[in-house]
Amino acid sequence: MDSGPLNVSYIADAVVLFRFFEAGGRIRKAISVIKNRSGKHEETIRELRIDSRGLQVGEPLVDFQGVLTGTPEFVGKITAHSLLDGRDA
């Protein structure tokens, strides 16, 4: 059995990665595309919210490091538009 690296090109056309992170006392979700068979893809990690009003994708999470590792660290400063604002689910 070969234990070498797995080439996902033959398994999926796109791989979308979801992660949870905590910020401002709330559990939030992040989304990133890590593989796309053809063409360019978004290289940033963004906040994702899904609620009764639909899907909302926020600005790139530039003030965080380690979101995809599962141990994010806030390295920026909080501004009015840093994360998606609260809204009823």
C-alpha atoms as a PDB file:
ATOM      1  CA  MET A   1       0.000   0.000   0.000  1.00  0.00           C
ATOM      2  CA  ASP A   2       1.305   3.409  -0.996  1.00  0.00           C
ATOM      3  CA  SER A   3       1.348   5.860   1.908  1.00  0.00           C
ATOM      4  CA  GLY A   4       2.427   8.849  -0.209  1.00  0.00           C
ATOM      5  CA  PRO A   5       0.573  12.133  -0.540  1.00  0.00           C
ATOM      6  CA  LEU A   6      -2.966  11.978  -1.855  1.00  0.00           C
ATOM      7  CA  ASN A   7      -3.651  13.862  -5.081  1.00  0.00           C
ATOM      8  CA  VAL A   8      -7.178  15.260  -4.662  1.00  0.00           C
ATOM      9  CA  SER A   9      -7.306  16.396  -8.305  1.00  0.00           C
ATOM     10  CA  TYR A  10      -8.781  13.045  -9.220  1.00  0.00           C
ATOM     11  CA  ILE A  11     -11.266  13.002  -6.343  1.00  0.00           C
ATOM     12  CA  ALA A  12     -12.942  16.416  -6.347  1.00  0.00           C
ATOM     13  CA  ASP A  13     -13.386  19.427  -8.592  1.00  0.00           C
ATOM     14  CA  ALA A  14     -13.446  21.789  -5.624  1.00  0.00           C
ATOM     15  CA  VAL A  15     -12.709  21.533  -1.922  1.00  0.00           C
ATOM     16  CA  VAL A  16     -14.445  24.020   0.351  1.00  0.00           C
ATOM     17  CA  LEU A  17     -13.176  24.145   3.919  1.00  0.00           C
ATOM     18  CA  PHE A  18     -15.381  25.234   6.832  1.00  0.00           C
ATOM     19  CA  ARG A  19     -13.999  26.025  10.298  1.00  0.00           C
ATOM     20  CA  PHE A  20     -15.436  27.365  13.535  1.00  0.00           C
ATOM     21  CA  PHE A  21     -13.706  30.153  15.459  1.00  0.00           C
ATOM     22  CA  GLU A  22     -14.571  32.287  18.467  1.00  0.00           C
ATOM     23  CA  ALA A  23     -14.595  36.076  18.375  1.00  0.00           C
ATOM     24  CA  GLY A  24     -16.372  38.647  20.482  1.00  0.00           C
ATOM     25  CA  GLY A  25     -17.890  35.967  22.708  1.00  0.00           C
ATOM     26  CA  ARG A  26     -19.615  34.234  19.766  1.00  0.00           C
ATOM     27  CA  ILE A  27     -18.950  31.058  17.816  1.00  0.00           C
ATOM     28  CA  ARG A  28     -18.482  31.987  14.170  1.00  0.00           C
ATOM     29  CA  LYS A  29     -17.870  30.078  10.948  1.00  0.00           C
ATOM     30  CA  ALA A  30     -15.124  30.602   8.373  1.00  0.00           C
ATOM     31  CA  ILE A  31     -15.060  29.442   4.750  1.00  0.00           C
ATOM     32  CA  SER A  32     -12.188  28.986   2.302  1.00  0.00           C
ATOM     33  CA  VAL A  33     -11.713  27.302  -1.071  1.00  0.00           C
ATOM     34  CA  ILE A  34      -8.521  25.258  -0.956  1.00  0.00           C
ATOM     35  CA  LYS A  35      -8.757  23.553  -4.335  1.00  0.00           C
ATOM     36  CA  ASN A  36     -10.388  24.394  -7.613  1.00  0.00           C
ATOM     37  CA  ARG A  37      -9.829  22.216 -10.682  1.00  0.00           C
ATOM     38  CA  SER A  38      -9.818  25.028 -13.220  1.00  0.00           C
ATOM     39  CA  GLY A  39      -9.353  28.752 -13.049  1.00  0.00           C
ATOM     40  CA  LYS A  40      -8.375  30.993 -10.188  1.00  0.00           C
ATOM     41  CA  HIS A  41     -10.095  30.801  -6.838  1.00  0.00           C
ATOM     42  CA  GLU A  42     -10.469  33.040  -3.823  1.00  0.00           C
ATOM     43  CA  GLU A  43      -7.357  32.738  -1.640  1.00  0.00           C
ATOM     44  CA  THR A  44      -8.724  34.467   1.451  1.00  0.00           C
ATOM     45  CA  ILE A  45     -10.510  33.068   4.487  1.00  0.00           C
ATOM     46  CA  ARG A  46     -13.848  34.757   5.104  1.00  0.00           C
ATOM     47  CA  GLU A  47     -16.523  34.656   7.782  1.00  0.00           C
ATOM     48  CA  LEU A  48     -19.678  32.781   6.778  1.00  0.00           C
ATOM     49  CA  ARG A  49     -23.151  33.119   8.236  1.00  0.00           C
ATOM     50  CA  ILE A  50     -26.167  31.005   7.316  1.00  0.00           C
ATOM     51  CA  ASP A  51     -29.467  31.935   8.913  1.00  0.00           C
ATOM     52  CA  SER A  52     -33.156  32.387   8.102  1.00  0.00           C
ATOM     53  CA  ARG A  53     -32.308  35.304   5.797  1.00  0.00           C
ATOM     54  CA  GLY A  54     -29.863  33.275   3.722  1.00  0.00           C
ATOM     55  CA  LEU A  55     -26.121  33.111   3.251  1.00  0.00           C
ATOM     56  CA  GLN A  56     -23.768  35.992   4.006  1.00  0.00           C
ATOM     57  CA  VAL A  57     -20.010  36.025   3.370  1.00  0.00           C
ATOM     58  CA  GLY A  58     -17.930  38.678   5.115  1.00  0.00           C
ATOM     59  CA  GLU A  59     -14.698  40.455   4.322  1.00  0.00           C
ATOM     60  CA  PRO A  60     -11.390  38.518   4.477  1.00  0.00           C
ATOM     61  CA  LEU A  61     -10.368  37.655   8.052  1.00  0.00           C
ATOM     62  CA  VAL A  62      -7.124  39.635   7.892  1.00  0.00           C
ATOM     63  CA  ASP A  63      -7.034  40.264  11.659  1.00  0.00           C
ATOM     64  CA  PHE A  64      -6.809  36.538  12.486  1.00  0.00           C
ATOM     65  CA  GLN A  65      -4.069  33.955  12.115  1.00  0.00           C
ATOM     66  CA  GLY A  66      -4.498  30.193  12.411  1.00  0.00           C
ATOM     67  CA  VAL A  67      -8.222  30.022  11.573  1.00  0.00           C
ATOM     68  CA  LEU A  68      -7.747  26.910   9.409  1.00  0.00           C
ATOM     69  CA  THR A  69      -5.559  25.194  12.011  1.00  0.00           C
ATOM     70  CA  GLY A  70      -8.369  25.270  14.566  1.00  0.00           C
ATOM     71  CA  THR A  71      -6.428  27.537  16.927  1.00  0.00           C
ATOM     72  CA  PRO A  72      -7.092  31.052  15.627  1.00  0.00           C
ATOM     73  CA  GLU A  73      -5.423  34.063  17.173  1.00  0.00           C
ATOM     74  CA  PHE A  74      -6.691  37.623  16.869  1.00  0.00           C
ATOM     75  CA  VAL A  75      -3.801  39.845  15.785  1.00  0.00           C
ATOM     76  CA  GLY A  76      -5.622  42.997  14.682  1.00  0.00           C
ATOM     77  CA  LYS A  77      -7.848  45.623  16.177  1.00  0.00           C
ATOM     78  CA  ILE A  78     -11.624  45.520  16.310  1.00  0.00           C
ATOM     79  CA  THR A  79     -13.303  47.899  13.893  1.00  0.00           C
ATOM     80  CA  ALA A  80     -16.923  48.449  12.967  1.00  0.00           C
ATOM     81  CA  HIS A  81     -16.535  46.218   9.885  1.00  0.00           C
ATOM     82  CA  SER A  82     -14.107  43.543  11.156  1.00  0.00           C
ATOM     83  CA  LEU A  83     -16.734  40.778  11.320  1.00  0.00           C
ATOM     84  CA  LEU A  84     -20.300  40.249  10.231  1.00  0.00           C
ATOM     85  CA  ASP A  85     -22.665  42.216  12.425  1.00  0.00           C
ATOM     86  CA  GLY A  86     -25.198  40.441  14.609  1.00  0.00           C
ATOM     87  CA  ARG A  87     -28.601  39.677  13.168  1.00  0.00           C
ATOM     88  CA  ASP A  88     -31.442  37.452  14.184  1.00  0.00           C
ATOM     89  CA  ALA A  89     -31.215  33.858  13.017  1.00  0.00           C
END
